[in-house]
Amino acid sequence: MVLELNTPEATYYEPEYKSAGINNFANLVRTMLNDYGVYHVQFNTVDKEVLKDALESPENYPTLMVRIAGYSVYWSDLSRRCQEDVISRTEHTF
């Protein structure tokens, strides 16, 4: 018996990071944990434009996953309202 898998192409691409941004990000996390007593933080590393496109064309992103309140979920399993909420709090810059 041969098992054939139909795996869609991944939607991930390797972003380019600037060293100043990485330092700022590390300082942000360090400050949250050490100075403000934050116990939980999560980060999605998906481009906001990808999320916007996935909102309008979910069939193009069958494997797209995001992190919501401590769990990972397929983008297409979220309600539109939840998807819009994720987009609204995405892409902060330093």
N, C-alpha and C. Protein backbone atom coordinates (compact mmCIF):
# COMPACT_ATOMS: atom_id res chain seq x y z
N MET A 1 0.84 -1.18 0.00
CA MET A 1 0.00 0.00 0.00
C MET A 1 0.88 1.23 0.00
N VAL A 2 0.61 2.15 -0.90
CA VAL A 2 1.37 3.40 -1.01
C VAL A 2 0.50 4.53 -0.49
N LEU A 3 1.03 5.27 0.46
CA LEU A 3 0.31 6.41 1.00
C LEU A 3 0.79 7.67 0.30
N GLU A 4 -0.09 8.33 -0.38
CA GLU A 4 0.27 9.54 -1.11
C GLU A 4 -0.24 10.75 -0.34
N LEU A 5 0.65 11.68 -0.04
CA LEU A 5 0.27 12.88 0.69
C LEU A 5 0.15 14.06 -0.26
N ASN A 6 -0.91 14.78 -0.13
CA ASN A 6 -1.11 15.99 -0.92
C ASN A 6 -0.86 17.18 0.01
N THR A 7 0.37 17.65 0.05
CA THR A 7 0.74 18.74 0.95
C THR A 7 0.83 20.04 0.16
N PRO A 8 0.04 21.05 0.53
CA PRO A 8 0.12 22.33 -0.18
C PRO A 8 1.44 23.03 0.10
N GLU A 9 1.80 23.90 -0.78
CA GLU A 9 3.03 24.68 -0.60
C GLU A 9 2.93 25.52 0.67
N ALA A 10 4.04 25.65 1.36
CA ALA A 10 4.08 26.46 2.58
C ALA A 10 3.92 27.92 2.23
N THR A 11 3.32 28.68 3.13
CA THR A 11 3.13 30.11 2.91
C THR A 11 4.20 30.93 3.61
N TYR A 12 5.17 30.27 4.22
CA TYR A 12 6.19 30.98 4.98
C TYR A 12 7.33 31.43 4.07
N TYR A 13 7.84 32.61 4.33
CA TYR A 13 9.05 33.07 3.67
C TYR A 13 9.95 33.68 4.74
N GLU A 14 11.24 33.61 4.51
CA GLU A 14 12.23 34.07 5.49
C GLU A 14 12.31 35.59 5.47
N PRO A 15 11.92 36.26 6.56
CA PRO A 15 12.00 37.72 6.59
C PRO A 15 13.45 38.19 6.79
N GLU A 16 13.68 39.43 6.44
CA GLU A 16 14.99 40.04 6.68
C GLU A 16 14.86 40.96 7.89
N TYR A 17 15.73 40.77 8.86
CA TYR A 17 15.68 41.55 10.08
C TYR A 17 16.86 42.52 10.14
N LYS A 18 16.60 43.72 10.62
CA LYS A 18 17.66 44.69 10.84
C LYS A 18 18.18 44.51 12.26
N SER A 19 19.48 44.64 12.46
CA SER A 19 20.06 44.39 13.79
C SER A 19 19.49 45.33 14.84
N ALA A 20 19.21 46.59 14.47
CA ALA A 20 18.62 47.52 15.45
C ALA A 20 17.24 47.04 15.88
N GLY A 21 16.47 46.49 14.95
CA GLY A 21 15.14 45.97 15.29
C GLY A 21 15.21 44.78 16.21
N ILE A 22 16.19 43.91 15.97
CA ILE A 22 16.36 42.74 16.84
C ILE A 22 16.74 43.19 18.25
N ASN A 23 17.64 44.15 18.34
CA ASN A 23 18.02 44.67 19.66
C ASN A 23 16.84 45.31 20.37
N ASN A 24 16.06 46.10 19.65
CA ASN A 24 14.88 46.73 20.24
C ASN A 24 13.87 45.68 20.71
N PHE A 25 13.69 44.64 19.91
CA PHE A 25 12.77 43.56 20.26
C PHE A 25 13.24 42.86 21.53
N ALA A 26 14.52 42.54 21.58
CA ALA A 26 15.08 41.88 22.77
C ALA A 26 14.92 42.77 24.01
N ASN A 27 15.15 44.06 23.86
CA ASN A 27 14.98 44.99 24.98
C ASN A 27 13.52 45.08 25.42
N LEU A 28 12.61 45.05 24.46
CA LEU A 28 11.18 45.08 24.78
C LEU A 28 10.80 43.87 25.64
N VAL A 29 11.21 42.69 25.20
CA VAL A 29 10.89 41.47 25.94
C VAL A 29 11.54 41.50 27.32
N ARG A 30 12.80 41.91 27.38
CA ARG A 30 13.51 41.98 28.66
C ARG A 30 12.79 42.94 29.61
N THR A 31 12.38 44.09 29.11
CA THR A 31 11.67 45.08 29.93
C THR A 31 10.33 44.54 30.43
N MET A 32 9.58 43.88 29.53
CA MET A 32 8.29 43.32 29.94
C MET A 32 8.47 42.31 31.06
N LEU A 33 9.45 41.42 30.89
CA LEU A 33 9.65 40.36 31.88
C LEU A 33 10.25 40.86 33.18
N ASN A 34 11.26 41.70 33.09
CA ASN A 34 11.98 42.13 34.29
C ASN A 34 11.34 43.32 35.01
N ASP A 35 10.90 44.32 34.28
CA ASP A 35 10.42 45.56 34.89
C ASP A 35 8.91 45.59 35.11
N TYR A 36 8.16 44.89 34.27
CA TYR A 36 6.71 44.98 34.37
C TYR A 36 6.04 43.68 34.81
N GLY A 37 6.83 42.64 35.05
CA GLY A 37 6.28 41.40 35.57
C GLY A 37 5.34 40.67 34.64
N VAL A 38 5.52 40.84 33.35
CA VAL A 38 4.69 40.14 32.38
C VAL A 38 5.03 38.66 32.44
N TYR A 39 4.02 37.80 32.51
CA TYR A 39 4.25 36.36 32.60
C TYR A 39 4.02 35.64 31.28
N HIS A 40 3.33 36.28 30.37
CA HIS A 40 3.00 35.61 29.10
C HIS A 40 3.01 36.63 27.98
N VAL A 41 3.66 36.28 26.91
CA VAL A 41 3.64 37.10 25.71
C VAL A 41 3.77 36.16 24.51
N GLN A 42 3.12 36.49 23.43
CA GLN A 42 3.23 35.65 22.23
C GLN A 42 3.39 36.54 21.02
N PHE A 43 4.10 36.02 20.05
CA PHE A 43 4.38 36.79 18.84
C PHE A 43 4.04 35.96 17.61
N ASN A 44 3.37 36.58 16.67
CA ASN A 44 3.15 35.99 15.36
C ASN A 44 4.15 36.63 14.42
N THR A 45 4.72 35.86 13.54
CA THR A 45 5.71 36.40 12.62
C THR A 45 5.21 36.34 11.18
N VAL A 46 3.96 36.70 11.01
CA VAL A 46 3.35 36.72 9.69
C VAL A 46 3.16 38.17 9.28
N ASP A 47 3.51 38.48 8.07
CA ASP A 47 3.37 39.83 7.53
C ASP A 47 1.89 40.25 7.51
N LYS A 48 1.62 41.48 7.87
CA LYS A 48 0.25 41.99 7.91
C LYS A 48 -0.43 41.89 6.54
N GLU A 49 0.34 42.11 5.47
CA GLU A 49 -0.24 42.03 4.12
C GLU A 49 -0.65 40.59 3.79
N VAL A 50 0.09 39.62 4.30
CA VAL A 50 -0.29 38.22 4.10
C VAL A 50 -1.62 37.95 4.81
N LEU A 51 -1.77 38.46 6.02
CA LEU A 51 -3.03 38.26 6.76
C LEU A 51 -4.20 38.93 6.05
N LYS A 52 -3.98 40.13 5.52
CA LYS A 52 -5.04 40.82 4.79
C LYS A 52 -5.45 40.02 3.56
N ASP A 53 -4.45 39.49 2.84
CA ASP A 53 -4.75 38.70 1.66
C ASP A 53 -5.46 37.40 2.04
N ALA A 54 -5.03 36.80 3.14
CA ALA A 54 -5.67 35.57 3.62
C ALA A 54 -7.11 35.81 4.06
N LEU A 55 -7.39 37.03 4.51
CA LEU A 55 -8.76 37.38 4.90
C LEU A 55 -9.68 37.34 3.68
N GLU A 56 -9.18 37.84 2.57
CA GLU A 56 -9.99 37.91 1.34
C GLU A 56 -9.91 36.63 0.50
N SER A 57 -8.79 35.91 0.58
CA SER A 57 -8.59 34.71 -0.24
C SER A 57 -8.06 33.55 0.61
N PRO A 58 -8.84 33.06 1.55
CA PRO A 58 -8.35 32.01 2.45
C PRO A 58 -7.95 30.73 1.72
N GLU A 59 -8.52 30.48 0.56
CA GLU A 59 -8.17 29.27 -0.18
C GLU A 59 -6.70 29.26 -0.62
N ASN A 60 -6.07 30.43 -0.65
CA ASN A 60 -4.66 30.52 -1.02
C ASN A 60 -3.72 30.23 0.15
N TYR A 61 -4.26 30.08 1.35
CA TYR A 61 -3.46 29.91 2.56
C TYR A 61 -3.98 28.75 3.41
N PRO A 62 -4.02 27.55 2.87
CA PRO A 62 -4.60 26.43 3.63
C PRO A 62 -3.79 26.02 4.85
N THR A 63 -2.51 26.37 4.90
CA THR A 63 -1.66 25.95 6.02
C THR A 63 -1.29 27.10 6.95
N LEU A 64 -1.84 28.27 6.73
CA LEU A 64 -1.50 29.44 7.55
C LEU A 64 -2.04 29.26 8.96
N MET A 65 -1.13 29.38 9.93
CA MET A 65 -1.51 29.26 11.34
C MET A 65 -1.08 30.52 12.07
N VAL A 66 -1.88 30.91 13.07
CA VAL A 66 -1.54 32.04 13.93
C VAL A 66 -1.68 31.59 15.38
N ARG A 67 -1.09 32.36 16.24
CA ARG A 67 -1.13 32.06 17.68
C ARG A 67 -2.16 32.97 18.32
N ILE A 68 -3.12 32.40 19.03
CA ILE A 68 -4.19 33.15 19.68
C ILE A 68 -4.26 32.69 21.14
N ALA A 69 -4.02 33.60 22.06
CA ALA A 69 -4.21 33.33 23.50
C ALA A 69 -3.62 32.00 23.95
N GLY A 70 -2.42 31.68 23.48
CA GLY A 70 -1.73 30.50 23.96
C GLY A 70 -1.93 29.24 23.14
N TYR A 71 -2.68 29.28 22.07
CA TYR A 71 -2.82 28.10 21.22
C TYR A 71 -2.67 28.50 19.75
N SER A 72 -2.29 27.56 18.93
CA SER A 72 -2.15 27.78 17.49
C SER A 72 -3.42 27.30 16.80
N VAL A 73 -3.81 28.04 15.78
CA VAL A 73 -5.04 27.71 15.06
C VAL A 73 -4.85 28.03 13.58
N TYR A 74 -5.49 27.23 12.74
CA TYR A 74 -5.49 27.55 11.32
C TYR A 74 -6.28 28.82 11.10
N TRP A 75 -5.74 29.70 10.28
CA TRP A 75 -6.37 30.98 9.97
C TRP A 75 -7.81 30.78 9.49
N SER A 76 -8.00 29.81 8.62
CA SER A 76 -9.33 29.59 8.04
C SER A 76 -10.35 29.07 9.05
N ASP A 77 -9.89 28.61 10.22
CA ASP A 77 -10.82 28.14 11.25
C ASP A 77 -11.33 29.28 12.14
N LEU A 78 -10.73 30.45 12.01
CA LEU A 78 -11.16 31.60 12.81
C LEU A 78 -12.34 32.30 12.16
N SER A 79 -13.18 32.91 12.96
CA SER A 79 -14.27 33.71 12.41
C SER A 79 -13.68 34.98 11.79
N ARG A 80 -14.40 35.59 10.91
CA ARG A 80 -13.92 36.82 10.27
C ARG A 80 -13.64 37.90 11.32
N ARG A 81 -14.49 37.99 12.32
CA ARG A 81 -14.30 38.99 13.38
C ARG A 81 -12.97 38.77 14.10
N CYS A 82 -12.65 37.51 14.40
CA CYS A 82 -11.39 37.19 15.06
C CYS A 82 -10.21 37.47 14.13
N GLN A 83 -10.35 37.14 12.85
CA GLN A 83 -9.29 37.43 11.88
C GLN A 83 -9.02 38.93 11.81
N GLU A 84 -10.08 39.72 11.77
CA GLU A 84 -9.91 41.18 11.73
C GLU A 84 -9.25 41.70 13.00
N ASP A 85 -9.57 41.08 14.14
CA ASP A 85 -8.94 41.47 15.39
C ASP A 85 -7.44 41.18 15.36
N VAL A 86 -7.06 40.01 14.86
CA VAL A 86 -5.64 39.67 14.75
C VAL A 86 -4.93 40.68 13.85
N ILE A 87 -5.53 41.01 12.73
CA ILE A 87 -4.93 41.98 11.80
C ILE A 87 -4.78 43.34 12.47
N SER A 88 -5.78 43.76 13.23
CA SER A 88 -5.74 45.09 13.86
C SER A 88 -4.63 45.23 14.89
N ARG A 89 -4.18 44.11 15.47
CA ARG A 89 -3.11 44.20 16.46
C ARG A 89 -1.80 43.62 15.94
N THR A 90 -1.67 43.61 14.64
CA THR A 90 -0.46 43.08 14.00
C THR A 90 0.40 44.23 13.50
N GLU A 91 1.67 43.97 13.48
CA GLU A 91 2.68 44.85 12.87
C GLU A 91 2.94 46.11 13.67
N HIS A 92 3.63 45.93 14.73
CA HIS A 92 4.14 47.06 15.51
C HIS A 92 5.58 47.27 15.11
N THR A 93 6.01 48.49 15.07
CA THR A 93 7.40 48.77 14.66
C THR A 93 8.15 49.44 15.81
N PHE A 94 9.45 49.36 15.74
CA PHE A 94 10.30 49.95 16.77
C PHE A 94 10.99 51.17 16.20
